[in-house]
Amino acid sequence: GFVAAVVLLGYAVVSKLVGGTVAGWTST
C-alpha cells in the first residue's frame, strides 16, 4: 500500500506539472 501510494503521488505530481489533471470521483 505504501509503494502504491508513492506511485500515485508521483503520478499526480507529474500530471499536475504537465497540466493533465482531471478531477475524477471514481479513481478517488
PDB file of all heavy atoms in Angstrom:
ATOM      1  N   GLY A   1       0.815  -1.215   0.000  1.00  0.00           N
ATOM      2  CA  GLY A   1       0.000   0.000   0.000  1.00  0.00           C
ATOM      3  C   GLY A   1       0.844   1.258   0.000  1.00  0.00           C
ATOM      4  O   GLY A   1       0.516   2.249  -0.662  1.00  0.00           O
ATOM      5  N   PHE A   2       1.961   1.233   0.751  1.00  0.00           N
ATOM      6  CA  PHE A   2       2.855   2.397   0.778  1.00  0.00           C
ATOM      7  C   PHE A   2       3.471   2.643  -0.601  1.00  0.00           C
ATOM      8  O   PHE A   2       3.523   3.778  -1.087  1.00  0.00           O
ATOM      9  CB  PHE A   2       3.958   2.172   1.816  1.00  0.00           C
ATOM     10  CG  PHE A   2       5.007   3.253   1.831  1.00  0.00           C
ATOM     11  CD1 PHE A   2       4.743   4.479   2.407  1.00  0.00           C
ATOM     12  CD2 PHE A   2       6.264   3.032   1.273  1.00  0.00           C
ATOM     13  CE1 PHE A   2       5.707   5.483   2.420  1.00  0.00           C
ATOM     14  CE2 PHE A   2       7.228   4.011   1.283  1.00  0.00           C
ATOM     15  CZ  PHE A   2       6.952   5.252   1.853  1.00  0.00           C
ATOM     16  N   VAL A   3       3.928   1.587  -1.262  1.00  0.00           N
ATOM     17  CA  VAL A   3       4.517   1.733  -2.597  1.00  0.00           C
ATOM     18  C   VAL A   3       3.474   2.257  -3.583  1.00  0.00           C
ATOM     19  O   VAL A   3       3.756   3.156  -4.405  1.00  0.00           O
ATOM     20  CB  VAL A   3       5.099   0.386  -3.072  1.00  0.00           C
ATOM     21  CG1 VAL A   3       5.522   0.467  -4.538  1.00  0.00           C
ATOM     22  CG2 VAL A   3       6.270  -0.020  -2.201  1.00  0.00           C
ATOM     23  N   ALA A   4       2.260   1.720  -3.503  1.00  0.00           N
ATOM     24  CA  ALA A   4       1.203   2.186  -4.409  1.00  0.00           C
ATOM     25  C   ALA A   4       0.888   3.658  -4.168  1.00  0.00           C
ATOM     26  O   ALA A   4       0.662   4.427  -5.122  1.00  0.00           O
ATOM     27  CB  ALA A   4      -0.049   1.332  -4.218  1.00  0.00           C
ATOM     28  N   ALA A   5       0.897   4.061  -2.881  1.00  0.00           N
ATOM     29  CA  ALA A   5       0.628   5.470  -2.574  1.00  0.00           C
ATOM     30  C   ALA A   5       1.714   6.375  -3.129  1.00  0.00           C
ATOM     31  O   ALA A   5       1.429   7.462  -3.657  1.00  0.00           O
ATOM     32  CB  ALA A   5       0.501   5.645  -1.058  1.00  0.00           C
ATOM     33  N   VAL A   6       2.986   5.956  -3.040  1.00  0.00           N
ATOM     34  CA  VAL A   6       4.093   6.757  -3.577  1.00  0.00           C
ATOM     35  C   VAL A   6       3.980   6.878  -5.095  1.00  0.00           C
ATOM     36  O   VAL A   6       4.179   7.955  -5.684  1.00  0.00           O
ATOM     37  CB  VAL A   6       5.444   6.131  -3.168  1.00  0.00           C
ATOM     38  CG1 VAL A   6       6.595   6.817  -3.916  1.00  0.00           C
ATOM     39  CG2 VAL A   6       5.652   6.238  -1.671  1.00  0.00           C
ATOM     40  N   VAL A   7       3.639   5.761  -5.750  1.00  0.00           N
ATOM     41  CA  VAL A   7       3.493   5.791  -7.206  1.00  0.00           C
ATOM     42  C   VAL A   7       2.363   6.730  -7.613  1.00  0.00           C
ATOM     43  O   VAL A   7       2.502   7.546  -8.550  1.00  0.00           O
ATOM     44  CB  VAL A   7       3.256   4.367  -7.741  1.00  0.00           C
ATOM     45  CG1 VAL A   7       2.899   4.405  -9.231  1.00  0.00           C
ATOM     46  CG2 VAL A   7       4.482   3.503  -7.518  1.00  0.00           C
ATOM     47  N   LEU A   8       1.237   6.640  -6.924  1.00  0.00           N
ATOM     48  CA  LEU A   8       0.110   7.520  -7.243  1.00  0.00           C
ATOM     49  C   LEU A   8       0.448   8.981  -6.982  1.00  0.00           C
ATOM     50  O   LEU A   8       0.038   9.881  -7.738  1.00  0.00           O
ATOM     51  CB  LEU A   8      -1.116   7.096  -6.427  1.00  0.00           C
ATOM     52  CG  LEU A   8      -1.776   5.777  -6.843  1.00  0.00           C
ATOM     53  CD1 LEU A   8      -2.869   5.400  -5.848  1.00  0.00           C
ATOM     54  CD2 LEU A   8      -2.357   5.894  -8.246  1.00  0.00           C
ATOM     55  N   LEU A   9       1.204   9.235  -5.892  1.00  0.00           N
ATOM     56  CA  LEU A   9       1.607  10.604  -5.610  1.00  0.00           C
ATOM     57  C   LEU A   9       2.505  11.151  -6.715  1.00  0.00           C
ATOM     58  O   LEU A   9       2.341  12.295  -7.176  1.00  0.00           O
ATOM     59  CB  LEU A   9       2.336  10.668  -4.265  1.00  0.00           C
ATOM     60  CG  LEU A   9       2.852  12.056  -3.837  1.00  0.00           C
ATOM     61  CD1 LEU A   9       1.685  13.032  -3.708  1.00  0.00           C
ATOM     62  CD2 LEU A   9       3.627  11.952  -2.521  1.00  0.00           C
ATOM     63  N   GLY A  10       3.456  10.323  -7.159  1.00  0.00           N
ATOM     64  CA  GLY A  10       4.316  10.752  -8.265  1.00  0.00           C
ATOM     65  C   GLY A  10       3.535  11.001  -9.535  1.00  0.00           C
ATOM     66  O   GLY A  10       3.784  11.992 -10.262  1.00  0.00           O
ATOM     67  N   TYR A  11       2.572  10.134  -9.805  1.00  0.00           N
ATOM     68  CA  TYR A  11       1.745  10.321 -10.999  1.00  0.00           C
ATOM     69  C   TYR A  11       0.939  11.611 -10.914  1.00  0.00           C
ATOM     70  O   TYR A  11       0.811  12.352 -11.906  1.00  0.00           O
ATOM     71  CB  TYR A  11       0.809   9.123 -11.152  1.00  0.00           C
ATOM     72  CG  TYR A  11      -0.212   9.270 -12.243  1.00  0.00           C
ATOM     73  CD1 TYR A  11       0.148   9.121 -13.579  1.00  0.00           C
ATOM     74  CD2 TYR A  11      -1.543   9.573 -11.952  1.00  0.00           C
ATOM     75  CE1 TYR A  11      -0.785   9.271 -14.596  1.00  0.00           C
ATOM     76  CE2 TYR A  11      -2.483   9.725 -12.958  1.00  0.00           C
ATOM     77  CZ  TYR A  11      -2.102   9.568 -14.277  1.00  0.00           C
ATOM     78  OH  TYR A  11      -3.025   9.721 -15.281  1.00  0.00           O
ATOM     79  N   ALA A  12       0.398  11.897  -9.700  1.00  0.00           N
ATOM     80  CA  ALA A  12      -0.386  13.122  -9.526  1.00  0.00           C
ATOM     81  C   ALA A  12       0.481  14.361  -9.723  1.00  0.00           C
ATOM     82  O   ALA A  12       0.056  15.345 -10.343  1.00  0.00           O
ATOM     83  CB  ALA A  12      -1.037  13.123  -8.141  1.00  0.00           C
ATOM     84  N   VAL A  13       1.713  14.336  -9.181  1.00  0.00           N
ATOM     85  CA  VAL A  13       2.600  15.494  -9.323  1.00  0.00           C
ATOM     86  C   VAL A  13       2.976  15.710 -10.781  1.00  0.00           C
ATOM     87  O   VAL A  13       2.942  16.848 -11.301  1.00  0.00           O
ATOM     88  CB  VAL A  13       3.860  15.295  -8.453  1.00  0.00           C
ATOM     89  CG1 VAL A  13       4.899  16.389  -8.756  1.00  0.00           C
ATOM     90  CG2 VAL A  13       3.490  15.310  -6.985  1.00  0.00           C
ATOM     91  N   VAL A  14       3.338  14.649 -11.481  1.00  0.00           N
ATOM     92  CA  VAL A  14       3.697  14.772 -12.903  1.00  0.00           C
ATOM     93  C   VAL A  14       2.514  15.270 -13.719  1.00  0.00           C
ATOM     94  O   VAL A  14       2.648  16.142 -14.600  1.00  0.00           O
ATOM     95  CB  VAL A  14       4.221  13.418 -13.432  1.00  0.00           C
ATOM     96  CG1 VAL A  14       4.425  13.483 -14.941  1.00  0.00           C
ATOM     97  CG2 VAL A  14       5.511  13.038 -12.731  1.00  0.00           C
ATOM     98  N   SER A  15       1.333  14.732 -13.445  1.00  0.00           N
ATOM     99  CA  SER A  15       0.140  15.166 -14.173  1.00  0.00           C
ATOM    100  C   SER A  15      -0.154  16.638 -13.919  1.00  0.00           C
ATOM    101  O   SER A  15      -0.578  17.372 -14.832  1.00  0.00           O
ATOM    102  CB  SER A  15      -1.067  14.310 -13.766  1.00  0.00           C
ATOM    103  OG  SER A  15      -0.849  12.955 -14.085  1.00  0.00           O
ATOM    104  N   LYS A  16       0.086  17.079 -12.686  1.00  0.00           N
ATOM    105  CA  LYS A  16      -0.138  18.487 -12.364  1.00  0.00           C
ATOM    106  C   LYS A  16       0.840  19.381 -13.130  1.00  0.00           C
ATOM    107  O   LYS A  16       0.463  20.451 -13.640  1.00  0.00           O
ATOM    108  CB  LYS A  16       0.023  18.679 -10.860  1.00  0.00           C
ATOM    109  CG  LYS A  16      -0.135  20.122 -10.387  1.00  0.00           C
ATOM    110  CD  LYS A  16      -1.565  20.595 -10.555  1.00  0.00           C
ATOM    111  CE  LYS A  16      -1.754  21.992  -9.976  1.00  0.00           C
ATOM    112  NZ  LYS A  16      -3.134  22.489 -10.167  1.00  0.00           N
ATOM    113  N   LEU A  17       2.083  18.936 -13.232  1.00  0.00           N
ATOM    114  CA  LEU A  17       3.101  19.754 -13.907  1.00  0.00           C
ATOM    115  C   LEU A  17       2.843  19.865 -15.397  1.00  0.00           C
ATOM    116  O   LEU A  17       3.094  20.911 -16.008  1.00  0.00           O
ATOM    117  CB  LEU A  17       4.497  19.169 -13.653  1.00  0.00           C
ATOM    118  CG  LEU A  17       4.999  19.247 -12.193  1.00  0.00           C
ATOM    119  CD1 LEU A  17       6.354  18.555 -12.067  1.00  0.00           C
ATOM    120  CD2 LEU A  17       5.092  20.703 -11.742  1.00  0.00           C
ATOM    121  N   VAL A  18       2.336  18.804 -15.999  1.00  0.00           N
ATOM    122  CA  VAL A  18       2.096  18.820 -17.453  1.00  0.00           C
ATOM    123  C   VAL A  18       0.695  19.322 -17.776  1.00  0.00           C
ATOM    124  O   VAL A  18       0.320  19.390 -18.947  1.00  0.00           O
ATOM    125  CB  VAL A  18       2.316  17.425 -18.058  1.00  0.00           C
ATOM    126  CG1 VAL A  18       3.737  16.959 -17.825  1.00  0.00           C
ATOM    127  CG2 VAL A  18       1.315  16.411 -17.505  1.00  0.00           C
ATOM    128  N   GLY A  19      -0.063  19.611 -16.725  1.00  0.00           N
ATOM    129  CA  GLY A  19      -1.389  20.165 -16.950  1.00  0.00           C
ATOM    130  C   GLY A  19      -2.411  19.157 -17.398  1.00  0.00           C
ATOM    131  O   GLY A  19      -3.389  19.527 -18.072  1.00  0.00           O
ATOM    132  N   GLY A  20      -2.249  17.905 -17.044  1.00  0.00           N
ATOM    133  CA  GLY A  20      -3.189  16.872 -17.485  1.00  0.00           C
ATOM    134  C   GLY A  20      -4.090  16.354 -16.382  1.00  0.00           C
ATOM    135  O   GLY A  20      -4.630  15.257 -16.496  1.00  0.00           O
ATOM    136  N   THR A  21      -4.238  17.098 -15.316  1.00  0.00           N
ATOM    137  CA  THR A  21      -5.063  16.629 -14.202  1.00  0.00           C
ATOM    138  C   THR A  21      -6.543  16.784 -14.525  1.00  0.00           C
ATOM    139  O   THR A  21      -6.972  17.788 -15.099  1.00  0.00           O
ATOM    140  CB  THR A  21      -4.729  17.407 -12.925  1.00  0.00           C
ATOM    141  OG1 THR A  21      -4.930  18.807 -13.178  1.00  0.00           O
ATOM    142  CG2 THR A  21      -3.305  17.159 -12.496  1.00  0.00           C
ATOM    143  N   VAL A  22      -7.321  15.758 -14.167  1.00  0.00           N
ATOM    144  CA  VAL A  22      -8.769  15.787 -14.332  1.00  0.00           C
ATOM    145  C   VAL A  22      -9.393  15.324 -13.018  1.00  0.00           C
ATOM    146  O   VAL A  22      -9.021  14.281 -12.478  1.00  0.00           O
ATOM    147  CB  VAL A  22      -9.230  14.879 -15.489  1.00  0.00           C
ATOM    148  CG1 VAL A  22     -10.758  14.865 -15.586  1.00  0.00           C
ATOM    149  CG2 VAL A  22      -8.618  15.333 -16.794  1.00  0.00           C
ATOM    150  N   ALA A  23     -10.286  16.113 -12.495  1.00  0.00           N
ATOM    151  CA  ALA A  23     -10.946  15.738 -11.246  1.00  0.00           C
ATOM    152  C   ALA A  23     -11.750  14.468 -11.473  1.00  0.00           C
ATOM    153  O   ALA A  23     -12.711  14.467 -12.254  1.00  0.00           O
ATOM    154  CB  ALA A  23     -11.837  16.871 -10.757  1.00  0.00           C
ATOM    155  N   GLY A  24     -11.347  13.394 -10.807  1.00  0.00           N
ATOM    156  CA  GLY A  24     -12.012  12.098 -11.026  1.00  0.00           C
ATOM    157  C   GLY A  24     -12.552  11.515  -9.738  1.00  0.00           C
ATOM    158  O   GLY A  24     -11.798  11.215  -8.806  1.00  0.00           O
ATOM    159  N   TRP A  25     -13.876  11.376  -9.669  1.00  0.00           N
ATOM    160  CA  TRP A  25     -14.506  10.834  -8.466  1.00  0.00           C
ATOM    161  C   TRP A  25     -14.279   9.328  -8.364  1.00  0.00           C
ATOM    162  O   TRP A  25     -14.030   8.792  -7.293  1.00  0.00           O
ATOM    163  CB  TRP A  25     -15.997  11.146  -8.524  1.00  0.00           C
ATOM    164  CG  TRP A  25     -16.766  10.581  -7.369  1.00  0.00           C
ATOM    165  CD1 TRP A  25     -16.937  11.131  -6.146  1.00  0.00           C
ATOM    166  CD2 TRP A  25     -17.492   9.344  -7.353  1.00  0.00           C
ATOM    167  NE1 TRP A  25     -17.698  10.327  -5.359  1.00  0.00           N
ATOM    168  CE2 TRP A  25     -18.060   9.199  -6.084  1.00  0.00           C
ATOM    169  CE3 TRP A  25     -17.703   8.339  -8.302  1.00  0.00           C
ATOM    170  CZ2 TRP A  25     -18.832   8.112  -5.713  1.00  0.00           C
ATOM    171  CZ3 TRP A  25     -18.471   7.244  -7.936  1.00  0.00           C
ATOM    172  CH2 TRP A  25     -19.022   7.132  -6.665  1.00  0.00           C
ATOM    173  N   THR A  26     -14.319   8.616  -9.477  1.00  0.00           N
ATOM    174  CA  THR A  26     -14.204   7.151  -9.470  1.00  0.00           C
ATOM    175  C   THR A  26     -12.852   6.698  -8.949  1.00  0.00           C
ATOM    176  O   THR A  26     -12.752   5.785  -8.109  1.00  0.00           O
ATOM    177  CB  THR A  26     -14.423   6.589 -10.883  1.00  0.00           C
ATOM    178  OG1 THR A  26     -15.694   7.019 -11.364  1.00  0.00           O
ATOM    179  CG2 THR A  26     -14.377   5.074 -10.867  1.00  0.00           C
ATOM    180  N   SER A  27     -11.784   7.357  -9.439  1.00  0.00           N
ATOM    181  CA  SER A  27     -10.449   6.950  -9.004  1.00  0.00           C
ATOM    182  C   SER A  27     -10.241   7.211  -7.519  1.00  0.00           C
ATOM    183  O   SER A  27      -9.622   6.410  -6.801  1.00  0.00           O
ATOM    184  CB  SER A  27      -9.393   7.697  -9.819  1.00  0.00           C
ATOM    185  OG  SER A  27      -9.536   9.104  -9.660  1.00  0.00           O
ATOM    186  N   THR A  28     -10.799   8.300  -7.021  1.00  0.00           N
ATOM    187  CA  THR A  28     -10.661   8.624  -5.595  1.00  0.00           C
ATOM    188  C   THR A  28     -11.356   7.568  -4.732  1.00  0.00           C
ATOM    189  O   THR A  28     -10.805   7.077  -3.747  1.00  0.00           O
ATOM    190  CB  THR A  28     -11.250  10.008  -5.305  1.00  0.00           C
ATOM    191  OG1 THR A  28     -10.581  10.983  -6.112  1.00  0.00           O
ATOM    192  CG2 THR A  28     -11.086  10.368  -3.838  1.00  0.00           C
TER     193      THR A  28
END
